[in-house]
């Protein structure tokens, strides 16, 4: 729960209020159901429903108030987000060990693997920001689902290693050398698919991307980079046979520079579906989410091709 000491006495009271509201919603719902199905009392139904709705609205208000005040307080105490990814405090660095931000965070000296970041391409666009946070020894991240702010230590003793996610590590070369020089283990998860421009409008040409992987392997070894051939999209521009040919060509070029490749099909969420449909109309192609059996068959073929190149 976010702190809100300007309105509530302490965090325990704030949490108790939220739980009381949750219980009120549940009690109101039960009251309404009993009135409807057991006692057939319309007054009970109205009272229970009204109580649940009012308590739910107050709960949402307090959650948003606490998150907003916590975010404002953090923004006033630090410039951690300055020059970083878009959003006032939306710092796209997350860690599996992140805890709620307060004065007692990270009570145990345990190290964590820091993902930087699955939400934004930090190596391509925010290398300077990353180095400022590394020098400072910490960064802050906002939970996108609740607004809570977590502080993530970035000192060497608290970081087991970094995982960098990118489609273009070129601008991050100097920062990566500094990371290695300070003794941080790292791996670069690099996406290279070779998709036609209607599907990927602003990424490196595959030849340039392969050259960057080769550069990482020369400097840091073949385990420094993981090639990601994902997400797989089945369209009239990229049918299964197109994937087999393209993956074979890329695997031949990348062979010897990585020892791992990851491939997976796109998850067609509502936003993904809308974006694909809009792009298909603009560029005159069709797309499909094939049955599970067809997906497994294509993945098996790609795995066999990958094994053939070591």
C-alpha atoms as a PDB file:
ATOM      1  CA  UNK A   1       0.000   0.000   0.000  1.00  0.00           C
ATOM      2  CA  UNK A   2       1.349   3.455  -0.755  1.00  0.00           C
ATOM      3  CA  UNK A   3       2.043   5.819   2.156  1.00  0.00           C
ATOM      4  CA  UNK A   4      -0.388   8.699   2.601  1.00  0.00           C
ATOM      5  CA  UNK A   5       0.676  10.348   5.838  1.00  0.00           C
ATOM      6  CA  UNK A   6      -0.713  13.706   4.821  1.00  0.00           C
ATOM      7  CA  UNK A   7      -4.237  12.305   5.191  1.00  0.00           C
ATOM      8  CA  UNK A   8      -3.944   9.194   7.411  1.00  0.00           C
ATOM      9  CA  UNK A   9      -2.058   8.710  10.711  1.00  0.00           C
ATOM     10  CA  UNK A  10       0.132   5.837   9.518  1.00  0.00           C
ATOM     11  CA  UNK A  11       0.415   2.998   7.062  1.00  0.00           C
ATOM     12  CA  UNK A  12      -1.312   0.548   9.409  1.00  0.00           C
ATOM     13  CA  UNK A  13      -4.384   2.744   9.691  1.00  0.00           C
ATOM     14  CA  UNK A  14      -4.483   3.247   5.935  1.00  0.00           C
ATOM     15  CA  UNK A  15      -4.355  -0.482   5.355  1.00  0.00           C
ATOM     16  CA  UNK A  16      -7.035  -1.133   7.989  1.00  0.00           C
ATOM     17  CA  UNK A  17      -9.375   1.357   6.297  1.00  0.00           C
ATOM     18  CA  UNK A  18      -8.898  -0.369   2.928  1.00  0.00           C
ATOM     19  CA  UNK A  19      -9.581  -3.800   4.435  1.00  0.00           C
ATOM     20  CA  UNK A  20     -12.678  -2.482   6.223  1.00  0.00           C
ATOM     21  CA  UNK A  21     -13.990  -1.172   2.918  1.00  0.00           C
ATOM     22  CA  UNK A  22     -13.326  -4.503   1.224  1.00  0.00           C
ATOM     23  CA  UNK A  23     -15.219  -6.335   3.962  1.00  0.00           C
ATOM     24  CA  UNK A  24     -18.081  -3.836   3.664  1.00  0.00           C
ATOM     25  CA  UNK A  25     -18.344  -4.539  -0.071  1.00  0.00           C
ATOM     26  CA  UNK A  26     -18.434  -8.278   0.598  1.00  0.00           C
ATOM     27  CA  UNK A  27     -20.989  -7.934   3.409  1.00  0.00           C
ATOM     28  CA  UNK A  28     -23.220  -5.711   1.265  1.00  0.00           C
ATOM     29  CA  UNK A  29     -23.109  -8.203  -1.569  1.00  0.00           C
ATOM     30  CA  UNK A  30     -24.021 -11.101   0.749  1.00  0.00           C
ATOM     31  CA  UNK A  31     -26.822  -9.015   2.301  1.00  0.00           C
ATOM     32  CA  UNK A  32     -28.261  -8.280  -1.152  1.00  0.00           C
ATOM     33  CA  UNK A  33     -28.006 -11.922  -2.292  1.00  0.00           C
ATOM     34  CA  UNK A  34     -29.764 -13.212   0.843  1.00  0.00           C
ATOM     35  CA  UNK A  35     -32.495 -10.608   0.435  1.00  0.00           C
ATOM     36  CA  UNK A  36     -32.988 -11.582  -3.195  1.00  0.00           C
ATOM     37  CA  UNK A  37     -32.781 -15.365  -3.049  1.00  0.00           C
ATOM     38  CA  UNK A  38     -33.784 -16.346   0.498  1.00  0.00           C
ATOM     39  CA  UNK A  39     -35.976 -13.675   2.100  1.00  0.00           C
ATOM     40  CA  UNK A  40     -37.282 -12.072  -1.098  1.00  0.00           C
ATOM     41  CA  UNK A  41     -36.989  -8.671   0.572  1.00  0.00           C
ATOM     42  CA  UNK A  42     -36.479  -5.805  -1.932  1.00  0.00           C
ATOM     43  CA  UNK A  43     -35.419  -3.455   0.872  1.00  0.00           C
ATOM     44  CA  UNK A  44     -32.547  -5.761   1.844  1.00  0.00           C
ATOM     45  CA  UNK A  45     -31.516  -5.964  -1.797  1.00  0.00           C
ATOM     46  CA  UNK A  46     -31.413  -2.183  -2.148  1.00  0.00           C
ATOM     47  CA  UNK A  47     -29.594  -1.649   1.157  1.00  0.00           C
ATOM     48  CA  UNK A  48     -26.986  -4.334   0.458  1.00  0.00           C
ATOM     49  CA  UNK A  49     -26.365  -3.206  -3.096  1.00  0.00           C
ATOM     50  CA  UNK A  50     -26.089   0.425  -2.035  1.00  0.00           C
ATOM     51  CA  UNK A  51     -23.645  -0.374   0.753  1.00  0.00           C
ATOM     52  CA  UNK A  52     -21.444  -2.413  -1.586  1.00  0.00           C
ATOM     53  CA  UNK A  53     -21.400   0.285  -4.260  1.00  0.00           C
ATOM     54  CA  UNK A  54     -20.630   3.114  -1.824  1.00  0.00           C
ATOM     55  CA  UNK A  55     -17.866   1.153  -0.075  1.00  0.00           C
ATOM     56  CA  UNK A  56     -16.365   0.182  -3.425  1.00  0.00           C
ATOM     57  CA  UNK A  57     -16.298   3.791  -4.590  1.00  0.00           C
ATOM     58  CA  UNK A  58     -14.635   4.931  -1.344  1.00  0.00           C
ATOM     59  CA  UNK A  59     -12.065   2.123  -1.656  1.00  0.00           C
ATOM     60  CA  UNK A  60     -11.097   3.222  -5.166  1.00  0.00           C
ATOM     61  CA  UNK A  61     -10.836   6.827  -3.974  1.00  0.00           C
ATOM     62  CA  UNK A  62      -8.481   5.957  -1.098  1.00  0.00           C
ATOM     63  CA  UNK A  63      -6.277   3.721  -3.293  1.00  0.00           C
ATOM     64  CA  UNK A  64      -5.868   6.455  -5.894  1.00  0.00           C
ATOM     65  CA  UNK A  65      -5.321   9.131  -3.265  1.00  0.00           C
ATOM     66  CA  UNK A  66      -2.588   7.142  -1.566  1.00  0.00           C
ATOM     67  CA  UNK A  67      -0.835   6.278  -4.835  1.00  0.00           C
ATOM     68  CA  UNK A  68      -1.016   9.896  -6.054  1.00  0.00           C
ATOM     69  CA  UNK A  69       0.348  11.377  -2.847  1.00  0.00           C
ATOM     70  CA  UNK A  70       3.124   8.787  -2.655  1.00  0.00           C
ATOM     71  CA  UNK A  71       4.151   9.519  -6.248  1.00  0.00           C
ATOM     72  CA  UNK A  72       4.191  13.256  -5.600  1.00  0.00           C
ATOM     73  CA  UNK A  73       6.300  12.796  -2.490  1.00  0.00           C
ATOM     74  CA  UNK A  74       8.839  10.645  -4.324  1.00  0.00           C
ATOM     75  CA  UNK A  75       9.041  13.014  -7.264  1.00  0.00           C
ATOM     76  CA  UNK A  76       9.807  15.883  -4.892  1.00  0.00           C
ATOM     77  CA  UNK A  77      12.585  13.971  -3.112  1.00  0.00           C
ATOM     78  CA  UNK A  78      14.573  12.725  -6.101  1.00  0.00           C
ATOM     79  CA  UNK A  79      15.438  13.273  -9.737  1.00  0.00           C
ATOM     80  CA  UNK A  80      15.620   9.520 -10.321  1.00  0.00           C
ATOM     81  CA  UNK A  81      13.306   9.714 -13.321  1.00  0.00           C
ATOM     82  CA  UNK A  82      14.896  12.746 -14.976  1.00  0.00           C
ATOM     83  CA  UNK A  83      15.919  12.023 -18.534  1.00  0.00           C
ATOM     84  CA  UNK A  84      14.627   8.497 -18.254  1.00  0.00           C
ATOM     85  CA  UNK A  85      11.787   6.699 -19.995  1.00  0.00           C
ATOM     86  CA  UNK A  86       8.524   8.625 -20.491  1.00  0.00           C
ATOM     87  CA  UNK A  87       6.275   9.070 -17.456  1.00  0.00           C
ATOM     88  CA  UNK A  88       6.795  11.106 -14.308  1.00  0.00           C
ATOM     89  CA  UNK A  89       8.103   8.203 -12.235  1.00  0.00           C
ATOM     90  CA  UNK A  90       7.488   5.352 -14.613  1.00  0.00           C
ATOM     91  CA  UNK A  91      11.035   4.008 -14.519  1.00  0.00           C
ATOM     92  CA  UNK A  92      11.094   0.820 -16.579  1.00  0.00           C
ATOM     93  CA  UNK A  93      13.517  -1.206 -14.510  1.00  0.00           C
ATOM     94  CA  UNK A  94      12.119  -4.041 -12.505  1.00  0.00           C
ATOM     95  CA  UNK A  95      13.449  -6.769 -10.295  1.00  0.00           C
ATOM     96  CA  UNK A  96      11.990  -9.930  -8.903  1.00  0.00           C
ATOM     97  CA  UNK A  97      13.131  -8.861  -5.426  1.00  0.00           C
ATOM     98  CA  UNK A  98      11.523  -5.426  -5.392  1.00  0.00           C
ATOM     99  CA  UNK A  99       9.736  -4.495  -2.183  1.00  0.00           C
ATOM    100  CA  UNK A 100       7.304  -1.730  -1.229  1.00  0.00           C
ATOM    101  CA  UNK A 101       9.177   1.556  -0.857  1.00  0.00           C
ATOM    102  CA  UNK A 102       9.533   2.721   2.744  1.00  0.00           C
ATOM    103  CA  UNK A 103      12.407   3.468   5.096  1.00  0.00           C
ATOM    104  CA  UNK A 104      12.853  -0.229   5.869  1.00  0.00           C
ATOM    105  CA  UNK A 105      12.992  -1.632   2.333  1.00  0.00           C
ATOM    106  CA  UNK A 106      15.385  -4.471   1.538  1.00  0.00           C
ATOM    107  CA  UNK A 107      15.917  -5.606   5.127  1.00  0.00           C
ATOM    108  CA  UNK A 108      18.057  -8.553   4.019  1.00  0.00           C
ATOM    109  CA  UNK A 109      21.278  -8.182   1.969  1.00  0.00           C
ATOM    110  CA  UNK A 110      20.126 -10.480  -0.836  1.00  0.00           C
ATOM    111  CA  UNK A 111      21.198  -9.968  -4.429  1.00  0.00           C
ATOM    112  CA  UNK A 112      18.755  -9.884  -7.336  1.00  0.00           C
ATOM    113  CA  UNK A 113      18.825 -10.201 -11.113  1.00  0.00           C
ATOM    114  CA  UNK A 114      17.671  -6.871 -12.538  1.00  0.00           C
ATOM    115  CA  UNK A 115      15.712  -6.821 -15.787  1.00  0.00           C
ATOM    116  CA  UNK A 116      16.411  -3.623 -17.733  1.00  0.00           C
ATOM    117  CA  UNK A 117      13.869  -3.622 -19.118  1.00  0.00           C
ATOM    118  CA  UNK A 118      11.077  -5.660 -20.626  1.00  0.00           C
ATOM    119  CA  UNK A 119       8.881  -2.545 -20.764  1.00  0.00           C
ATOM    120  CA  UNK A 120      11.269  -0.142 -22.550  1.00  0.00           C
ATOM    121  CA  UNK A 121      14.333  -0.536 -24.757  1.00  0.00           C
ATOM    122  CA  UNK A 122      16.846   1.015 -22.339  1.00  0.00           C
ATOM    123  CA  UNK A 123      19.969   0.082 -24.361  1.00  0.00           C
ATOM    124  CA  UNK A 124      18.601   1.739 -27.501  1.00  0.00           C
ATOM    125  CA  UNK A 125      17.141   4.907 -25.966  1.00  0.00           C
ATOM    126  CA  UNK A 126      18.048   5.441 -22.299  1.00  0.00           C
ATOM    127  CA  UNK A 127      21.700   4.482 -21.876  1.00  0.00           C
ATOM    128  CA  UNK A 128      22.676   7.827 -20.279  1.00  0.00           C
ATOM    129  CA  UNK A 129      19.831   7.564 -17.800  1.00  0.00           C
ATOM    130  CA  UNK A 130      20.866   4.018 -16.915  1.00  0.00           C
ATOM    131  CA  UNK A 131      24.459   5.054 -16.195  1.00  0.00           C
ATOM    132  CA  UNK A 132      23.290   7.917 -13.965  1.00  0.00           C
ATOM    133  CA  UNK A 133      21.214   5.476 -11.944  1.00  0.00           C
ATOM    134  CA  UNK A 134      24.105   2.996 -11.790  1.00  0.00           C
ATOM    135  CA  UNK A 135      26.368   5.757 -10.464  1.00  0.00           C
ATOM    136  CA  UNK A 136      23.703   6.707  -7.903  1.00  0.00           C
ATOM    137  CA  UNK A 137      23.402   3.084  -6.782  1.00  0.00           C
ATOM    138  CA  UNK A 138      19.624   2.774  -7.076  1.00  0.00           C
ATOM    139  CA  UNK A 139      16.595   3.454  -9.241  1.00  0.00           C
ATOM    140  CA  UNK A 140      12.881   3.689  -8.553  1.00  0.00           C
ATOM    141  CA  UNK A 141      10.096   1.868 -10.341  1.00  0.00           C
ATOM    142  CA  UNK A 142       6.356   2.484 -10.275  1.00  0.00           C
ATOM    143  CA  UNK A 143       4.058  -0.514 -10.163  1.00  0.00           C
ATOM    144  CA  UNK A 144       1.776   0.054 -13.209  1.00  0.00           C
ATOM    145  CA  UNK A 145      -1.139  -1.725 -11.528  1.00  0.00           C
ATOM    146  CA  UNK A 146      -1.241   0.051  -8.171  1.00  0.00           C
ATOM    147  CA  UNK A 147       1.036   3.069  -8.360  1.00  0.00           C
ATOM    148  CA  UNK A 148       3.311   1.870  -5.545  1.00  0.00           C
ATOM    149  CA  UNK A 149       6.903   3.031  -5.799  1.00  0.00           C
ATOM    150  CA  UNK A 150       9.743   0.575  -5.195  1.00  0.00           C
ATOM    151  CA  UNK A 151      13.403   1.430  -4.764  1.00  0.00           C
ATOM    152  CA  UNK A 152      15.779  -1.030  -6.452  1.00  0.00           C
ATOM    153  CA  UNK A 153      19.419  -1.150  -5.253  1.00  0.00           C
ATOM    154  CA  UNK A 154      21.933  -1.199  -8.102  1.00  0.00           C
ATOM    155  CA  UNK A 155      25.173  -1.567  -6.157  1.00  0.00           C
ATOM    156  CA  UNK A 156      27.425  -4.453  -7.106  1.00  0.00           C
ATOM    157  CA  UNK A 157      26.811  -6.393  -3.903  1.00  0.00           C
ATOM    158  CA  UNK A 158      23.045  -6.179  -4.389  1.00  0.00           C
ATOM    159  CA  UNK A 159      22.924  -7.072  -8.092  1.00  0.00           C
ATOM    160  CA  UNK A 160      23.468 -10.647  -9.175  1.00  0.00           C
ATOM    161  CA  UNK A 161      23.442  -9.544 -12.811  1.00  0.00           C
ATOM    162  CA  UNK A 162      21.615  -7.507 -15.454  1.00  0.00           C
ATOM    163  CA  UNK A 163      19.365  -8.723 -18.255  1.00  0.00           C
ATOM    164  CA  UNK A 164      19.174  -6.113 -21.020  1.00  0.00           C
ATOM    165  CA  UNK A 165      16.300  -6.384 -23.526  1.00  0.00           C
ATOM    166  CA  UNK A 166      16.787  -4.616 -26.829  1.00  0.00           C
ATOM    167  CA  UNK A 167      16.480  -4.542 -30.585  1.00  0.00           C
ATOM    168  CA  UNK A 168      19.487  -2.228 -30.924  1.00  0.00           C
ATOM    169  CA  UNK A 169      22.396  -2.431 -28.461  1.00  0.00           C
ATOM    170  CA  UNK A 170      24.541  -0.131 -30.619  1.00  0.00           C
ATOM    171  CA  UNK A 171      24.025   3.086 -28.584  1.00  0.00           C
ATOM    172  CA  UNK A 172      24.699   1.132 -25.382  1.00  0.00           C
ATOM    173  CA  UNK A 173      28.238   0.054 -26.249  1.00  0.00           C
ATOM    174  CA  UNK A 174      30.105   2.376 -23.880  1.00  0.00           C
ATOM    175  CA  UNK A 175      27.635   1.738 -21.059  1.00  0.00           C
ATOM    176  CA  UNK A 176      27.945  -2.013 -21.532  1.00  0.00           C
ATOM    177  CA  UNK A 177      31.744  -1.770 -21.343  1.00  0.00           C
ATOM    178  CA  UNK A 178      31.392   0.191 -18.082  1.00  0.00           C
ATOM    179  CA  UNK A 179      28.970  -2.405 -16.686  1.00  0.00           C
ATOM    180  CA  UNK A 180      31.455  -5.161 -17.497  1.00  0.00           C
ATOM    181  CA  UNK A 181      34.353  -3.090 -16.125  1.00  0.00           C
ATOM    182  CA  UNK A 182      32.579  -2.747 -12.773  1.00  0.00           C
ATOM    183  CA  UNK A 183      32.226  -6.503 -12.528  1.00  0.00           C
ATOM    184  CA  UNK A 184      28.487  -6.895 -13.163  1.00  0.00           C
ATOM    185  CA  UNK A 185      27.507 -10.099 -14.996  1.00  0.00           C
ATOM    186  CA  UNK A 186      25.039  -9.434 -17.795  1.00  0.00           C
ATOM    187  CA  UNK A 187      23.249 -10.921 -20.767  1.00  0.00           C
ATOM    188  CA  UNK A 188      21.721  -9.092 -23.732  1.00  0.00           C
ATOM    189  CA  UNK A 189      18.404 -10.458 -24.976  1.00  0.00           C
ATOM    190  CA  UNK A 190      18.359  -9.183 -28.563  1.00  0.00           C
ATOM    191  CA  UNK A 191      15.384  -9.494 -30.899  1.00  0.00           C
ATOM    192  CA  UNK A 192      16.147 -10.115 -34.578  1.00  0.00           C
ATOM    193  CA  UNK A 193      13.305 -11.311 -36.805  1.00  0.00           C
ATOM    194  CA  UNK A 194      13.846  -9.826 -40.267  1.00  0.00           C
ATOM    195  CA  UNK A 195      10.153  -9.008 -40.588  1.00  0.00           C
ATOM    196  CA  UNK A 196       8.944  -6.893 -43.530  1.00  0.00           C
ATOM    197  CA  UNK A 197       8.590  -3.164 -42.822  1.00  0.00           C
ATOM    198  CA  UNK A 198       4.772  -3.237 -42.589  1.00  0.00           C
ATOM    199  CA  UNK A 199       5.204  -5.403 -39.471  1.00  0.00           C
ATOM    200  CA  UNK A 200       8.319  -3.718 -38.033  1.00  0.00           C
ATOM    201  CA  UNK A 201       8.582  -0.141 -39.177  1.00  0.00           C
ATOM    202  CA  UNK A 202      11.388   1.217 -36.982  1.00  0.00           C
ATOM    203  CA  UNK A 203      13.919  -1.513 -36.299  1.00  0.00           C
ATOM    204  CA  UNK A 204      17.427  -2.198 -37.580  1.00  0.00           C
ATOM    205  CA  UNK A 205      17.921  -4.039 -40.838  1.00  0.00           C
ATOM    206  CA  UNK A 206      18.685  -7.684 -40.017  1.00  0.00           C
ATOM    207  CA  UNK A 207      22.205  -7.408 -41.467  1.00  0.00           C
ATOM    208  CA  UNK A 208      23.027  -4.564 -39.046  1.00  0.00           C
ATOM    209  CA  UNK A 209      21.467  -6.437 -36.132  1.00  0.00           C
ATOM    210  CA  UNK A 210      23.526  -9.548 -36.912  1.00  0.00           C
ATOM    211  CA  UNK A 211      26.688  -7.421 -37.041  1.00  0.00           C
ATOM    212  CA  UNK A 212      25.931  -6.072 -33.555  1.00  0.00           C
ATOM    213  CA  UNK A 213      25.516  -9.600 -32.200  1.00  0.00           C
ATOM    214  CA  UNK A 214      28.868 -10.497 -33.757  1.00  0.00           C
ATOM    215  CA  UNK A 215      30.422  -7.495 -32.013  1.00  0.00           C
ATOM    216  CA  UNK A 216      29.038  -8.564 -28.640  1.00  0.00           C
ATOM    217  CA  UNK A 217      30.404 -12.086 -29.153  1.00  0.00           C
ATOM    218  CA  UNK A 218      33.882 -10.812 -30.109  1.00  0.00           C
ATOM    219  CA  UNK A 219      34.131  -8.613 -27.024  1.00  0.00           C
ATOM    220  CA  UNK A 220      32.281 -10.599 -24.379  1.00  0.00           C
ATOM    221  CA  UNK A 221      31.976 -14.133 -25.748  1.00  0.00           C
ATOM    222  CA  UNK A 222      29.140 -16.164 -27.323  1.00  0.00           C
ATOM    223  CA  UNK A 223      27.151 -16.296 -24.073  1.00  0.00           C
ATOM    224  CA  UNK A 224      26.816 -12.511 -23.815  1.00  0.00           C
ATOM    225  CA  UNK A 225      23.835 -12.382 -26.162  1.00  0.00           C
ATOM    226  CA  UNK A 226      20.659 -14.429 -26.493  1.00  0.00           C
ATOM    227  CA  UNK A 227      18.994 -14.252 -29.895  1.00  0.00           C
ATOM    228  CA  UNK A 228      15.226 -13.795 -29.694  1.00  0.00           C
ATOM    229  CA  UNK A 229      13.258 -14.719 -32.795  1.00  0.00           C
ATOM    230  CA  UNK A 230       9.952 -13.555 -31.437  1.00  0.00           C
ATOM    231  CA  UNK A 231       7.117 -12.827 -31.410  1.00  0.00           C
ATOM    232  CA  UNK A 232       6.151 -15.123 -34.262  1.00  0.00           C
ATOM    233  CA  UNK A 233       3.363 -13.684 -36.381  1.00  0.00           C
ATOM    234  CA  UNK A 234       1.561 -15.619 -39.085  1.00  0.00           C
ATOM    235  CA  UNK A 235       0.434 -13.248 -41.832  1.00  0.00           C
ATOM    236  CA  UNK A 236       0.098 -13.267 -45.601  1.00  0.00           C
ATOM    237  CA  UNK A 237       3.534 -11.550 -45.609  1.00  0.00           C
ATOM    238  CA  UNK A 238       5.046 -14.071 -43.182  1.00  0.00           C
ATOM    239  CA  UNK A 239       3.437 -17.522 -43.642  1.00  0.00           C
ATOM    240  CA  UNK A 240       5.042 -20.549 -41.949  1.00  0.00           C
ATOM    241  CA  UNK A 241       7.319 -21.268 -44.908  1.00  0.00           C
ATOM    242  CA  UNK A 242       8.585 -17.660 -44.818  1.00  0.00           C
ATOM    243  CA  UNK A 243       9.558 -18.203 -41.164  1.00  0.00           C
ATOM    244  CA  UNK A 244      11.436 -21.389 -42.003  1.00  0.00           C
ATOM    245  CA  UNK A 245      13.431 -19.676 -44.762  1.00  0.00           C
ATOM    246  CA  UNK A 246      14.109 -16.480 -42.812  1.00  0.00           C
ATOM    247  CA  UNK A 247      15.061 -18.278 -39.610  1.00  0.00           C
ATOM    248  CA  UNK A 248      17.459 -20.498 -41.556  1.00  0.00           C
ATOM    249  CA  UNK A 249      19.122 -17.462 -43.156  1.00  0.00           C
ATOM    250  CA  UNK A 250      19.483 -15.636 -39.848  1.00  0.00           C
ATOM    251  CA  UNK A 251      20.658 -18.736 -37.991  1.00  0.00           C
ATOM    252  CA  UNK A 252      23.379 -19.288 -40.576  1.00  0.00           C
ATOM    253  CA  UNK A 253      24.566 -15.680 -40.165  1.00  0.00           C
ATOM    254  CA  UNK A 254      24.442 -15.703 -36.342  1.00  0.00           C
ATOM    255  CA  UNK A 255      25.891 -19.204 -35.905  1.00  0.00           C
ATOM    256  CA  UNK A 256      28.902 -19.226 -33.565  1.00  0.00           C
ATOM    257  CA  UNK A 257      28.033 -15.880 -31.973  1.00  0.00           C
ATOM    258  CA  UNK A 258      25.300 -17.112 -29.592  1.00  0.00           C
ATOM    259  CA  UNK A 259      24.569 -20.415 -27.907  1.00  0.00           C
ATOM    260  CA  UNK A 260      20.859 -19.850 -27.304  1.00  0.00           C
ATOM    261  CA  UNK A 261      17.823 -18.773 -29.306  1.00  0.00           C
ATOM    262  CA  UNK A 262      14.318 -18.081 -28.002  1.00  0.00           C
ATOM    263  CA  UNK A 263      11.186 -18.232 -30.130  1.00  0.00           C
ATOM    264  CA  UNK A 264       7.539 -17.959 -29.176  1.00  0.00           C
ATOM    265  CA  UNK A 265       4.254 -17.007 -30.787  1.00  0.00           C
ATOM    266  CA  UNK A 266       2.671 -13.631 -30.195  1.00  0.00           C
ATOM    267  CA  UNK A 267      -0.065 -13.477 -27.584  1.00  0.00           C
ATOM    268  CA  UNK A 268      -2.994 -11.883 -29.384  1.00  0.00           C
ATOM    269  CA  UNK A 269      -4.337  -9.563 -26.699  1.00  0.00           C
ATOM    270  CA  UNK A 270      -7.066  -7.038 -27.486  1.00  0.00           C
ATOM    271  CA  UNK A 271      -4.518  -4.277 -28.129  1.00  0.00           C
ATOM    272  CA  UNK A 272      -2.391  -6.594 -30.279  1.00  0.00           C
ATOM    273  CA  UNK A 273      -5.429  -7.562 -32.314  1.00  0.00           C
ATOM    274  CA  UNK A 274      -6.388  -3.922 -32.859  1.00  0.00           C
ATOM    275  CA  UNK A 275      -2.852  -2.951 -33.922  1.00  0.00           C
ATOM    276  CA  UNK A 276      -2.533  -5.896 -36.302  1.00  0.00           C
ATOM    277  CA  UNK A 277      -5.910  -5.235 -37.857  1.00  0.00           C
ATOM    278  CA  UNK A 278      -5.061  -1.557 -38.341  1.00  0.00           C
ATOM    279  CA  UNK A 279      -1.678  -2.366 -39.911  1.00  0.00           C
ATOM    280  CA  UNK A 280      -3.259  -5.036 -42.138  1.00  0.00           C
ATOM    281  CA  UNK A 281      -5.747  -2.512 -43.489  1.00  0.00           C
ATOM    282  CA  UNK A 282      -3.047   0.071 -44.082  1.00  0.00           C
ATOM    283  CA  UNK A 283      -0.590  -2.299 -45.835  1.00  0.00           C
ATOM    284  CA  UNK A 284      -3.020  -4.756 -47.453  1.00  0.00           C
ATOM    285  CA  UNK A 285      -2.095  -7.997 -45.707  1.00  0.00           C
ATOM    286  CA  UNK A 286      -4.024 -10.518 -43.631  1.00  0.00           C
ATOM    287  CA  UNK A 287      -3.078 -12.198 -40.372  1.00  0.00           C
ATOM    288  CA  UNK A 288      -4.064 -15.325 -38.473  1.00  0.00           C
ATOM    289  CA  UNK A 289      -3.702 -16.882 -35.019  1.00  0.00           C
ATOM    290  CA  UNK A 290      -3.245 -20.532 -36.046  1.00  0.00           C
ATOM    291  CA  UNK A 291      -4.337 -23.599 -34.048  1.00  0.00           C
ATOM    292  CA  UNK A 292      -2.068 -24.954 -31.336  1.00  0.00           C
ATOM    293  CA  UNK A 293      -1.034 -27.970 -33.437  1.00  0.00           C
ATOM    294  CA  UNK A 294       0.223 -25.742 -36.276  1.00  0.00           C
ATOM    295  CA  UNK A 295       2.162 -23.575 -33.835  1.00  0.00           C
ATOM    296  CA  UNK A 296       3.836 -26.600 -32.297  1.00  0.00           C
ATOM    297  CA  UNK A 297       4.767 -27.961 -35.714  1.00  0.00           C
ATOM    298  CA  UNK A 298       6.426 -24.696 -36.750  1.00  0.00           C
ATOM    299  CA  UNK A 299       8.279 -24.359 -33.430  1.00  0.00           C
ATOM    300  CA  UNK A 300       9.556 -27.924 -33.781  1.00  0.00           C
ATOM    301  CA  UNK A 301      10.863 -27.134 -37.272  1.00  0.00           C
ATOM    302  CA  UNK A 302      12.620 -23.980 -36.045  1.00  0.00           C
ATOM    303  CA  UNK A 303      14.170 -25.894 -33.140  1.00  0.00           C
ATOM    304  CA  UNK A 304      15.518 -28.462 -35.581  1.00  0.00           C
ATOM    305  CA  UNK A 305      17.010 -25.729 -37.759  1.00  0.00           C
ATOM    306  CA  UNK A 306      18.626 -24.136 -34.702  1.00  0.00           C
ATOM    307  CA  UNK A 307      20.208 -27.443 -33.652  1.00  0.00           C
ATOM    308  CA  UNK A 308      21.608 -27.830 -37.151  1.00  0.00           C
ATOM    309  CA  UNK A 309      23.601 -24.601 -36.703  1.00  0.00           C
ATOM    310  CA  UNK A 310      24.864 -25.515 -33.258  1.00  0.00           C
END
